[in-house]
C-alpha atoms as a PDB file:
ATOM      1  CA  UNK A   1      27.919 -36.007 224.799  1.00  0.00           C
ATOM      2  CA  UNK A   2      28.338 -33.932 227.962  1.00  0.00           C
ATOM      3  CA  UNK A   3      30.674 -34.990 230.735  1.00  0.00           C
ATOM      4  CA  UNK A   4      27.753 -35.261 233.167  1.00  0.00           C
ATOM      5  CA  UNK A   5      25.911 -37.689 230.878  1.00  0.00           C
ATOM      6  CA  UNK A   6      28.963 -39.955 230.599  1.00  0.00           C
ATOM      7  CA  UNK A   7      29.648 -40.171 234.341  1.00  0.00           C
ATOM      8  CA  UNK A   8      29.215 -43.822 235.360  1.00  0.00           C
ATOM      9  CA  UNK A   9      30.213 -46.135 238.188  1.00  0.00           C
ATOM     10  CA  UNK A  10      33.554 -46.651 236.420  1.00  0.00           C
ATOM     11  CA  UNK A  11      34.324 -42.918 236.326  1.00  0.00           C
ATOM     12  CA  UNK A  12      36.940 -41.423 238.632  1.00  0.00           C
ATOM     13  CA  UNK A  13      35.579 -38.059 239.789  1.00  0.00           C
ATOM     14  CA  UNK A  14      37.878 -35.226 240.782  1.00  0.00           C
ATOM     15  CA  UNK A  15      37.734 -31.550 241.502  1.00  0.00           C
ATOM     16  CA  UNK A  16      38.981 -29.690 238.431  1.00  0.00           C
ATOM     17  CA  UNK A  17      41.665 -27.054 238.703  1.00  0.00           C
ATOM     18  CA  UNK A  18      40.311 -24.108 240.654  1.00  0.00           C
ATOM     19  CA  UNK A  19      37.640 -26.103 242.491  1.00  0.00           C
ATOM     20  CA  UNK A  20      37.974 -27.690 245.911  1.00  0.00           C
ATOM     21  CA  UNK A  21      36.121 -28.847 248.979  1.00  0.00           C
ATOM     22  CA  UNK A  22      37.252 -27.015 252.075  1.00  0.00           C
ATOM     23  CA  UNK A  23      36.166 -26.375 255.617  1.00  0.00           C
ATOM     24  CA  UNK A  24      35.589 -22.721 256.503  1.00  0.00           C
ATOM     25  CA  UNK A  25      36.633 -22.488 260.142  1.00  0.00           C
ATOM     26  CA  UNK A  26      35.144 -19.030 260.581  1.00  0.00           C
ATOM     27  CA  UNK A  27      31.688 -20.192 259.451  1.00  0.00           C
ATOM     28  CA  UNK A  28      32.133 -23.728 260.798  1.00  0.00           C
ATOM     29  CA  UNK A  29      30.884 -25.284 257.569  1.00  0.00           C
ATOM     30  CA  UNK A  30      32.095 -27.122 254.501  1.00  0.00           C
ATOM     31  CA  UNK A  31      31.968 -25.463 251.115  1.00  0.00           C
ATOM     32  CA  UNK A  32      32.886 -26.237 247.546  1.00  0.00           C
ATOM     33  CA  UNK A  33      34.766 -23.351 246.045  1.00  0.00           C
ATOM     34  CA  UNK A  34      34.764 -23.115 242.271  1.00  0.00           C
ATOM     35  CA  UNK A  35      35.678 -20.241 239.976  1.00  0.00           C
ATOM     36  CA  UNK A  36      33.209 -17.440 240.693  1.00  0.00           C
ATOM     37  CA  UNK A  37      30.956 -19.831 242.679  1.00  0.00           C
ATOM     38  CA  UNK A  38      30.595 -21.254 246.155  1.00  0.00           C
ATOM     39  CA  UNK A  39      28.369 -24.186 247.069  1.00  0.00           C
ATOM     40  CA  UNK A  40      27.364 -25.208 250.574  1.00  0.00           C
ATOM     41  CA  UNK A  41      26.814 -28.989 250.389  1.00  0.00           C
ATOM     42  CA  UNK A  42      24.201 -30.593 252.573  1.00  0.00           C
ATOM     43  CA  UNK A  43      25.133 -33.555 254.766  1.00  0.00           C
ATOM     44  CA  UNK A  44      24.435 -36.107 252.042  1.00  0.00           C
ATOM     45  CA  UNK A  45      26.422 -34.261 249.370  1.00  0.00           C
ATOM     46  CA  UNK A  46      29.278 -33.744 251.818  1.00  0.00           C
ATOM     47  CA  UNK A  47      29.498 -37.496 252.463  1.00  0.00           C
ATOM     48  CA  UNK A  48      29.981 -38.018 248.717  1.00  0.00           C
ATOM     49  CA  UNK A  49      32.309 -35.063 248.108  1.00  0.00           C
ATOM     50  CA  UNK A  50      34.632 -36.035 250.947  1.00  0.00           C
ATOM     51  CA  UNK A  51      35.298 -39.270 249.053  1.00  0.00           C
ATOM     52  CA  UNK A  52      36.149 -37.534 245.763  1.00  0.00           C
ATOM     53  CA  UNK A  53      39.940 -37.738 245.636  1.00  0.00           C
ATOM     54  CA  UNK A  54      40.762 -38.094 241.951  1.00  0.00           C
ATOM     55  CA  UNK A  55      41.728 -41.757 242.272  1.00  0.00           C
ATOM     56  CA  UNK A  56      38.621 -43.521 243.631  1.00  0.00           C
ATOM     57  CA  UNK A  57      36.005 -44.819 241.203  1.00  0.00           C
ATOM     58  CA  UNK A  58      32.356 -43.909 241.693  1.00  0.00           C
ATOM     59  CA  UNK A  59      31.591 -47.604 242.319  1.00  0.00           C
ATOM     60  CA  UNK A  60      33.948 -47.630 245.327  1.00  0.00           C
ATOM     61  CA  UNK A  61      32.360 -44.435 246.682  1.00  0.00           C
ATOM     62  CA  UNK A  62      28.923 -46.058 246.346  1.00  0.00           C
ATOM     63  CA  UNK A  63      30.088 -49.262 248.044  1.00  0.00           C
ATOM     64  CA  UNK A  64      31.644 -47.336 250.933  1.00  0.00           C
ATOM     65  CA  UNK A  65      28.554 -45.189 251.495  1.00  0.00           C
ATOM     66  CA  UNK A  66      26.242 -48.223 251.312  1.00  0.00           C
ATOM     67  CA  UNK A  67      28.390 -49.920 253.971  1.00  0.00           C
ATOM     68  CA  UNK A  68      28.702 -46.855 256.243  1.00  0.00           C
ATOM     69  CA  UNK A  69      25.005 -46.005 256.107  1.00  0.00           C
ATOM     70  CA  UNK A  70      23.749 -49.618 255.904  1.00  0.00           C
ATOM     71  CA  UNK A  71      21.581 -48.619 252.955  1.00  0.00           C
ATOM     72  CA  UNK A  72      20.669 -50.493 249.775  1.00  0.00           C
ATOM     73  CA  UNK A  73      23.413 -50.067 247.185  1.00  0.00           C
ATOM     74  CA  UNK A  74      20.916 -49.306 244.401  1.00  0.00           C
ATOM     75  CA  UNK A  75      19.501 -46.336 246.326  1.00  0.00           C
ATOM     76  CA  UNK A  76      22.964 -45.003 247.146  1.00  0.00           C
ATOM     77  CA  UNK A  77      24.069 -45.527 243.523  1.00  0.00           C
ATOM     78  CA  UNK A  78      21.190 -43.519 242.115  1.00  0.00           C
ATOM     79  CA  UNK A  79      21.719 -40.653 244.586  1.00  0.00           C
ATOM     80  CA  UNK A  80      25.499 -40.526 244.098  1.00  0.00           C
ATOM     81  CA  UNK A  81      25.295 -40.592 240.307  1.00  0.00           C
ATOM     82  CA  UNK A  82      22.586 -37.934 240.280  1.00  0.00           C
ATOM     83  CA  UNK A  83      24.618 -35.644 242.545  1.00  0.00           C
ATOM     84  CA  UNK A  84      27.893 -36.112 240.662  1.00  0.00           C
ATOM     85  CA  UNK A  85      26.216 -35.639 237.278  1.00  0.00           C
ATOM     86  CA  UNK A  86      24.572 -32.441 238.481  1.00  0.00           C
ATOM     87  CA  UNK A  87      27.888 -31.102 239.787  1.00  0.00           C
ATOM     88  CA  UNK A  88      29.695 -32.184 236.616  1.00  0.00           C
ATOM     89  CA  UNK A  89      27.112 -30.275 234.585  1.00  0.00           C
ATOM     90  CA  UNK A  90      27.984 -27.192 236.618  1.00  0.00           C
ATOM     91  CA  UNK A  91      31.720 -27.761 236.111  1.00  0.00           C
ATOM     92  CA  UNK A  92      32.363 -28.420 239.803  1.00  0.00           C
ATOM     93  CA  UNK A  93      33.310 -32.089 239.311  1.00  0.00           C
ATOM     94  CA  UNK A  94      35.253 -33.627 236.436  1.00  0.00           C
ATOM     95  CA  UNK A  95      35.655 -37.271 235.531  1.00  0.00           C
END
């Protein structure tokens, strides 16, 4: 089973070695740098990725985003899991 398929609310996502979220001051934008790849996250993805610290469970990220954005938890959960699974499939996030 692939890592992206096993990512659940109990998973603890992290950036694997060689990948990181960083702010490019010259371009004034956030980017995810991974080996031989660069991703420019949109505002929604950035809100999730800024909470990926290697110690926080997906459930806590979902709860925090639902509180901050006053949105239904189920909607946030589906969006967060979809994003993290997609990035895990690309090797940008590990769990």
